[in-house]
Amino acid sequence: MTGMNETVRQSVKSTMKEKGLTHQELADLTGIERANVTRLLSGTVGKVPDNWQRVLDALGLELIAVPKREG
């Protein structure tokens, strides 16, 4: 479970880096306070709930973050 959450966080961090976004800029874009963005990205909050993780595991699925398709 920890691995999947870390994969999503790393994907977000990588995309932020590619776009040159700071935590404050992401906060401004999302309407989330900067401190909460930092908590999300550090993994202290925002984990996938245990029950959802069990469902995903039972079905052989994982939650991933991928770029949206244009159009």
PDB file of N, CA and C in Angstrom:
ATOM      1  N   MET A   1       0.828  -1.191   0.000  1.00  0.00           N
ATOM      2  CA  MET A   1       0.000   0.000   0.000  1.00  0.00           C
ATOM      3  C   MET A   1       0.872   1.255   0.000  1.00  0.00           C
ATOM      4  N   THR A   2       1.907   1.273   0.784  1.00  0.00           N
ATOM      5  CA  THR A   2       2.779   2.437   0.835  1.00  0.00           C
ATOM      6  C   THR A   2       3.410   2.703  -0.525  1.00  0.00           C
ATOM      7  N   GLY A   3       3.798   1.641  -1.234  1.00  0.00           N
ATOM      8  CA  GLY A   3       4.444   1.801  -2.528  1.00  0.00           C
ATOM      9  C   GLY A   3       3.587   2.527  -3.532  1.00  0.00           C
ATOM     10  N   MET A   4       2.289   2.187  -3.576  1.00  0.00           N
ATOM     11  CA  MET A   4       1.408   2.833  -4.526  1.00  0.00           C
ATOM     12  C   MET A   4       1.270   4.307  -4.206  1.00  0.00           C
ATOM     13  N   ASN A   5       1.065   4.642  -2.946  1.00  0.00           N
ATOM     14  CA  ASN A   5       0.948   6.041  -2.567  1.00  0.00           C
ATOM     15  C   ASN A   5       2.215   6.801  -2.923  1.00  0.00           C
ATOM     16  N   GLU A   6       3.349   6.183  -2.692  1.00  0.00           N
ATOM     17  CA  GLU A   6       4.621   6.833  -3.017  1.00  0.00           C
ATOM     18  C   GLU A   6       4.765   7.004  -4.526  1.00  0.00           C
ATOM     19  N   THR A   7       4.309   6.041  -5.305  1.00  0.00           N
ATOM     20  CA  THR A   7       4.367   6.144  -6.766  1.00  0.00           C
ATOM     21  C   THR A   7       3.566   7.342  -7.255  1.00  0.00           C
ATOM     22  N   VAL A   8       2.377   7.524  -6.710  1.00  0.00           N
ATOM     23  CA  VAL A   8       1.533   8.651  -7.104  1.00  0.00           C
ATOM     24  C   VAL A   8       2.209   9.966  -6.701  1.00  0.00           C
ATOM     25  N   ARG A   9       2.708  10.042  -5.471  1.00  0.00           N
ATOM     26  CA  ARG A   9       3.389  11.266  -5.024  1.00  0.00           C
ATOM     27  C   ARG A   9       4.584  11.591  -5.918  1.00  0.00           C
ATOM     28  N   GLN A  10       5.380  10.583  -6.247  1.00  0.00           N
ATOM     29  CA  GLN A  10       6.550  10.819  -7.088  1.00  0.00           C
ATOM     30  C   GLN A  10       6.152  11.288  -8.480  1.00  0.00           C
ATOM     31  N   SER A  11       5.063  10.753  -9.001  1.00  0.00           N
ATOM     32  CA  SER A  11       4.580  11.176 -10.311  1.00  0.00           C
ATOM     33  C   SER A  11       4.163  12.649 -10.280  1.00  0.00           C
ATOM     34  N   VAL A  12       3.480  13.035  -9.224  1.00  0.00           N
ATOM     35  CA  VAL A  12       3.063  14.437  -9.078  1.00  0.00           C
ATOM     36  C   VAL A  12       4.295  15.330  -8.944  1.00  0.00           C
ATOM     37  N   LYS A  13       5.232  14.931  -8.112  1.00  0.00           N
ATOM     38  CA  LYS A  13       6.452  15.733  -7.925  1.00  0.00           C
ATOM     39  C   LYS A  13       7.220  15.873  -9.235  1.00  0.00           C
ATOM     40  N   SER A  14       7.318  14.789  -9.982  1.00  0.00           N
ATOM     41  CA  SER A  14       8.029  14.809 -11.255  1.00  0.00           C
ATOM     42  C   SER A  14       7.347  15.756 -12.241  1.00  0.00           C
ATOM     43  N   THR A  15       6.029  15.688 -12.296  1.00  0.00           N
ATOM     44  CA  THR A  15       5.282  16.565 -13.202  1.00  0.00           C
ATOM     45  C   THR A  15       5.420  18.022 -12.775  1.00  0.00           C
ATOM     46  N   MET A  16       5.386  18.267 -11.473  1.00  0.00           N
ATOM     47  CA  MET A  16       5.601  19.637 -10.987  1.00  0.00           C
ATOM     48  C   MET A  16       6.972  20.151 -11.430  1.00  0.00           C
ATOM     49  N   LYS A  17       7.987  19.301 -11.310  1.00  0.00           N
ATOM     50  CA  LYS A  17       9.337  19.694 -11.701  1.00  0.00           C
ATOM     51  C   LYS A  17       9.393  19.994 -13.198  1.00  0.00           C
ATOM     52  N   GLU A  18       8.781  19.128 -14.027  1.00  0.00           N
ATOM     53  CA  GLU A  18       8.761  19.331 -15.479  1.00  0.00           C
ATOM     54  C   GLU A  18       8.101  20.656 -15.837  1.00  0.00           C
ATOM     55  N   LYS A  19       7.051  21.011 -15.091  1.00  0.00           N
ATOM     56  CA  LYS A  19       6.313  22.242 -15.367  1.00  0.00           C
ATOM     57  C   LYS A  19       6.891  23.449 -14.630  1.00  0.00           C
ATOM     58  N   GLY A  20       7.909  23.213 -13.816  1.00  0.00           N
ATOM     59  CA  GLY A  20       8.535  24.291 -13.078  1.00  0.00           C
ATOM     60  C   GLY A  20       7.651  24.886 -11.998  1.00  0.00           C
ATOM     61  N   LEU A  21       6.787  24.057 -11.393  1.00  0.00           N
ATOM     62  CA  LEU A  21       5.847  24.536 -10.380  1.00  0.00           C
ATOM     63  C   LEU A  21       6.393  24.365  -8.973  1.00  0.00           C
ATOM     64  N   THR A  22       6.195  25.376  -8.153  1.00  0.00           N
ATOM     65  CA  THR A  22       6.523  25.283  -6.731  1.00  0.00           C
ATOM     66  C   THR A  22       5.291  24.798  -5.974  1.00  0.00           C
ATOM     67  N   HIS A  23       5.485  24.483  -4.704  1.00  0.00           N
ATOM     68  CA  HIS A  23       4.345  24.103  -3.868  1.00  0.00           C
ATOM     69  C   HIS A  23       3.325  25.238  -3.818  1.00  0.00           C
ATOM     70  N   GLN A  24       3.806  26.473  -3.723  1.00  0.00           N
ATOM     71  CA  GLN A  24       2.898  27.621  -3.665  1.00  0.00           C
ATOM     72  C   GLN A  24       2.108  27.764  -4.961  1.00  0.00           C
ATOM     73  N   GLU A  25       2.767  27.582  -6.086  1.00  0.00           N
ATOM     74  CA  GLU A  25       2.068  27.695  -7.369  1.00  0.00           C
ATOM     75  C   GLU A  25       1.022  26.598  -7.520  1.00  0.00           C
ATOM     76  N   LEU A  26       1.331  25.376  -7.076  1.00  0.00           N
ATOM     77  CA  LEU A  26       0.341  24.300  -7.118  1.00  0.00           C
ATOM     78  C   LEU A  26      -0.818  24.627  -6.182  1.00  0.00           C
ATOM     79  N   ALA A  27      -0.502  25.190  -5.032  1.00  0.00           N
ATOM     80  CA  ALA A  27      -1.548  25.606  -4.094  1.00  0.00           C
ATOM     81  C   ALA A  27      -2.463  26.640  -4.742  1.00  0.00           C
ATOM     82  N   ASP A  28      -1.880  27.605  -5.423  1.00  0.00           N
ATOM     83  CA  ASP A  28      -2.679  28.636  -6.096  1.00  0.00           C
ATOM     84  C   ASP A  28      -3.565  28.033  -7.192  1.00  0.00           C
ATOM     85  N   LEU A  29      -3.020  27.069  -7.942  1.00  0.00           N
ATOM     86  CA  LEU A  29      -3.782  26.428  -9.018  1.00  0.00           C
ATOM     87  C   LEU A  29      -4.947  25.589  -8.501  1.00  0.00           C
ATOM     88  N   THR A  30      -4.775  24.987  -7.335  1.00  0.00           N
ATOM     89  CA  THR A  30      -5.764  24.045  -6.821  1.00  0.00           C
ATOM     90  C   THR A  30      -6.692  24.628  -5.766  1.00  0.00           C
ATOM     91  N   GLY A  31      -6.310  25.777  -5.201  1.00  0.00           N
ATOM     92  CA  GLY A  31      -7.093  26.336  -4.107  1.00  0.00           C
ATOM     93  C   GLY A  31      -6.841  25.629  -2.780  1.00  0.00           C
ATOM     94  N   ILE A  32      -5.774  24.835  -2.734  1.00  0.00           N
ATOM     95  CA  ILE A  32      -5.382  24.133  -1.505  1.00  0.00           C
ATOM     96  C   ILE A  32      -4.279  24.958  -0.846  1.00  0.00           C
ATOM     97  N   GLU A  33      -4.337  25.130   0.456  1.00  0.00           N
ATOM     98  CA  GLU A  33      -3.290  25.893   1.132  1.00  0.00           C
ATOM     99  C   GLU A  33      -1.935  25.227   0.936  1.00  0.00           C
ATOM    100  N   ARG A  34      -0.884  26.069   0.809  1.00  0.00           N
ATOM    101  CA  ARG A  34       0.452  25.552   0.535  1.00  0.00           C
ATOM    102  C   ARG A  34       0.889  24.512   1.558  1.00  0.00           C
ATOM    103  N   ALA A  35       0.596  24.749   2.827  1.00  0.00           N
ATOM    104  CA  ALA A  35       0.989  23.785   3.859  1.00  0.00           C
ATOM    105  C   ALA A  35       0.339  22.429   3.614  1.00  0.00           C
ATOM    106  N   ASN A  36      -0.892  22.430   3.142  1.00  0.00           N
ATOM    107  CA  ASN A  36      -1.580  21.166   2.854  1.00  0.00           C
ATOM    108  C   ASN A  36      -1.018  20.489   1.609  1.00  0.00           C
ATOM    109  N   VAL A  37      -0.613  21.269   0.615  1.00  0.00           N
ATOM    110  CA  VAL A  37       0.060  20.696  -0.559  1.00  0.00           C
ATOM    111  C   VAL A  37       1.336  19.995  -0.110  1.00  0.00           C
ATOM    112  N   THR A  38       2.092  20.650   0.755  1.00  0.00           N
ATOM    113  CA  THR A  38       3.335  20.061   1.267  1.00  0.00           C
ATOM    114  C   THR A  38       3.050  18.763   2.010  1.00  0.00           C
ATOM    115  N   ARG A  39       2.004  18.746   2.830  1.00  0.00           N
ATOM    116  CA  ARG A  39       1.637  17.516   3.554  1.00  0.00           C
ATOM    117  C   ARG A  39       1.255  16.400   2.588  1.00  0.00           C
ATOM    118  N   LEU A  40       0.483  16.737   1.552  1.00  0.00           N
ATOM    119  CA  LEU A  40       0.107  15.727   0.560  1.00  0.00           C
ATOM    120  C   LEU A  40       1.338  15.133  -0.116  1.00  0.00           C
ATOM    121  N   LEU A  41       2.253  16.004  -0.511  1.00  0.00           N
ATOM    122  CA  LEU A  41       3.433  15.541  -1.238  1.00  0.00           C
ATOM    123  C   LEU A  41       4.426  14.808  -0.350  1.00  0.00           C
ATOM    124  N   SER A  42       4.388  15.060   0.946  1.00  0.00           N
ATOM    125  CA  SER A  42       5.298  14.367   1.864  1.00  0.00           C
ATOM    126  C   SER A  42       4.718  13.027   2.309  1.00  0.00           C
ATOM    127  N   GLY A  43       3.419  12.824   2.100  1.00  0.00           N
ATOM    128  CA  GLY A  43       2.790  11.564   2.475  1.00  0.00           C
ATOM    129  C   GLY A  43       2.214  11.554   3.872  1.00  0.00           C
ATOM    130  N   THR A  44       2.236  12.701   4.551  1.00  0.00           N
ATOM    131  CA  THR A  44       1.679  12.715   5.910  1.00  0.00           C
ATOM    132  C   THR A  44       0.152  12.722   5.902  1.00  0.00           C
ATOM    133  N   VAL A  45      -0.453  13.121   4.802  1.00  0.00           N
ATOM    134  CA  VAL A  45      -1.907  13.061   4.618  1.00  0.00           C
ATOM    135  C   VAL A  45      -2.190  12.604   3.195  1.00  0.00           C
ATOM    136  N   GLY A  46      -3.441  12.261   2.925  1.00  0.00           N
ATOM    137  CA  GLY A  46      -3.843  11.960   1.560  1.00  0.00           C
ATOM    138  C   GLY A  46      -3.572  10.550   1.082  1.00  0.00           C
ATOM    139  N   LYS A  47      -3.408   9.628   1.998  1.00  0.00           N
ATOM    140  CA  LYS A  47      -3.175   8.242   1.591  1.00  0.00           C
ATOM    141  C   LYS A  47      -4.475   7.612   1.098  1.00  0.00           C
ATOM    142  N   VAL A  48      -4.351   6.628   0.219  1.00  0.00           N
ATOM    143  CA  VAL A  48      -5.513   5.883  -0.242  1.00  0.00           C
ATOM    144  C   VAL A  48      -6.083   5.119   0.945  1.00  0.00           C
ATOM    145  N   PRO A  49      -7.387   5.254   1.199  1.00  0.00           N
ATOM    146  CA  PRO A  49      -7.987   4.546   2.342  1.00  0.00           C
ATOM    147  C   PRO A  49      -7.780   3.031   2.242  1.00  0.00           C
ATOM    148  N   ASP A  50      -7.628   2.390   3.408  1.00  0.00           N
ATOM    149  CA  ASP A  50      -7.367   0.947   3.458  1.00  0.00           C
ATOM    150  C   ASP A  50      -8.386   0.129   2.674  1.00  0.00           C
ATOM    151  N   ASN A  51      -9.668   0.468   2.790  1.00  0.00           N
ATOM    152  CA  ASN A  51     -10.691  -0.317   2.087  1.00  0.00           C
ATOM    153  C   ASN A  51     -10.536  -0.219   0.574  1.00  0.00           C
ATOM    154  N   TRP A  52     -10.220   0.962   0.070  1.00  0.00           N
ATOM    155  CA  TRP A  52      -9.977   1.086  -1.367  1.00  0.00           C
ATOM    156  C   TRP A  52      -8.753   0.281  -1.764  1.00  0.00           C
ATOM    157  N   GLN A  53      -7.724   0.302  -0.921  1.00  0.00           N
ATOM    158  CA  GLN A  53      -6.523  -0.460  -1.243  1.00  0.00           C
ATOM    159  C   GLN A  53      -6.836  -1.946  -1.313  1.00  0.00           C
ATOM    160  N   ARG A  54      -7.661  -2.437  -0.415  1.00  0.00           N
ATOM    161  CA  ARG A  54      -8.052  -3.861  -0.428  1.00  0.00           C
ATOM    162  C   ARG A  54      -8.795  -4.216  -1.711  1.00  0.00           C
ATOM    163  N   VAL A  55      -9.693  -3.320  -2.138  1.00  0.00           N
ATOM    164  CA  VAL A  55     -10.442  -3.552  -3.390  1.00  0.00           C
ATOM    165  C   VAL A  55      -9.471  -3.601  -4.566  1.00  0.00           C
ATOM    166  N   LEU A  56      -8.582  -2.629  -4.636  1.00  0.00           N
ATOM    167  CA  LEU A  56      -7.604  -2.610  -5.726  1.00  0.00           C
ATOM    168  C   LEU A  56      -6.740  -3.862  -5.722  1.00  0.00           C
ATOM    169  N   ASP A  57      -6.262  -4.260  -4.537  1.00  0.00           N
ATOM    170  CA  ASP A  57      -5.430  -5.458  -4.429  1.00  0.00           C
ATOM    171  C   ASP A  57      -6.192  -6.704  -4.873  1.00  0.00           C
ATOM    172  N   ALA A  58      -7.445  -6.818  -4.456  1.00  0.00           N
ATOM    173  CA  ALA A  58      -8.250  -7.993  -4.794  1.00  0.00           C
ATOM    174  C   ALA A  58      -8.468  -8.108  -6.301  1.00  0.00           C
ATOM    175  N   LEU A  59      -8.533  -6.963  -6.975  1.00  0.00           N
ATOM    176  CA  LEU A  59      -8.762  -6.962  -8.417  1.00  0.00           C
ATOM    177  C   LEU A  59      -7.477  -6.888  -9.234  1.00  0.00           C
ATOM    178  N   GLY A  60      -6.342  -6.856  -8.541  1.00  0.00           N
ATOM    179  CA  GLY A  60      -5.064  -6.768  -9.250  1.00  0.00           C
ATOM    180  C   GLY A  60      -4.872  -5.423  -9.924  1.00  0.00           C
ATOM    181  N   LEU A  61      -5.386  -4.367  -9.304  1.00  0.00           N
ATOM    182  CA  LEU A  61      -5.277  -3.022  -9.867  1.00  0.00           C
ATOM    183  C   LEU A  61      -4.386  -2.151  -9.005  1.00  0.00           C
ATOM    184  N   GLU A  62      -3.866  -1.079  -9.600  1.00  0.00           N
ATOM    185  CA  GLU A  62      -3.124  -0.101  -8.846  1.00  0.00           C
ATOM    186  C   GLU A  62      -3.533   1.292  -9.295  1.00  0.00           C
ATOM    187  N   LEU A  63      -3.456   2.217  -8.382  1.00  0.00           N
ATOM    188  CA  LEU A  63      -3.760   3.611  -8.669  1.00  0.00           C
ATOM    189  C   LEU A  63      -2.493   4.257  -9.182  1.00  0.00           C
ATOM    190  N   ILE A  64      -2.582   4.863 -10.358  1.00  0.00           N
ATOM    191  CA  ILE A  64      -1.419   5.539 -10.929  1.00  0.00           C
ATOM    192  C   ILE A  64      -1.828   6.922 -11.413  1.00  0.00           C
ATOM    193  N   ALA A  65      -0.868   7.799 -11.534  1.00  0.00           N
ATOM    194  CA  ALA A  65      -1.102   9.129 -12.065  1.00  0.00           C
ATOM    195  C   ALA A  65      -0.422   9.213 -13.432  1.00  0.00           C
ATOM    196  N   VAL A  66      -1.218   9.531 -14.445  1.00  0.00           N
ATOM    197  CA  VAL A  66      -0.686   9.670 -15.808  1.00  0.00           C
ATOM    198  C   VAL A  66      -1.210  10.982 -16.393  1.00  0.00           C
ATOM    199  N   PRO A  67      -0.493  11.556 -17.346  1.00  0.00           N
ATOM    200  CA  PRO A  67      -0.965  12.785 -17.965  1.00  0.00           C
ATOM    201  C   PRO A  67      -2.319  12.574 -18.652  1.00  0.00           C
ATOM    202  N   LYS A  68      -3.169  13.591 -18.572  1.00  0.00           N
ATOM    203  CA  LYS A  68      -4.451  13.532 -19.262  1.00  0.00           C
ATOM    204  C   LYS A  68      -4.220  13.615 -20.759  1.00  0.00           C
ATOM    205  N   ARG A  69      -5.117  12.986 -21.497  1.00  0.00           N
ATOM    206  CA  ARG A  69      -5.062  13.092 -22.951  1.00  0.00           C
ATOM    207  C   ARG A  69      -5.608  14.450 -23.366  1.00  0.00           C
ATOM    208  N   GLU A  70      -4.984  15.036 -24.352  1.00  0.00           N
ATOM    209  CA  GLU A  70      -5.451  16.326 -24.888  1.00  0.00           C
ATOM    210  C   GLU A  70      -6.682  16.081 -25.761  1.00  0.00           C
ATOM    211  N   GLY A  71      -7.575  17.039 -25.750  1.00  0.00           N
ATOM    212  CA  GLY A  71      -8.680  16.956 -26.684  1.00  0.00           C
ATOM    213  C   GLY A  71      -9.934  16.594 -26.076  1.00  0.00           C
TER     214      GLY A  71
END
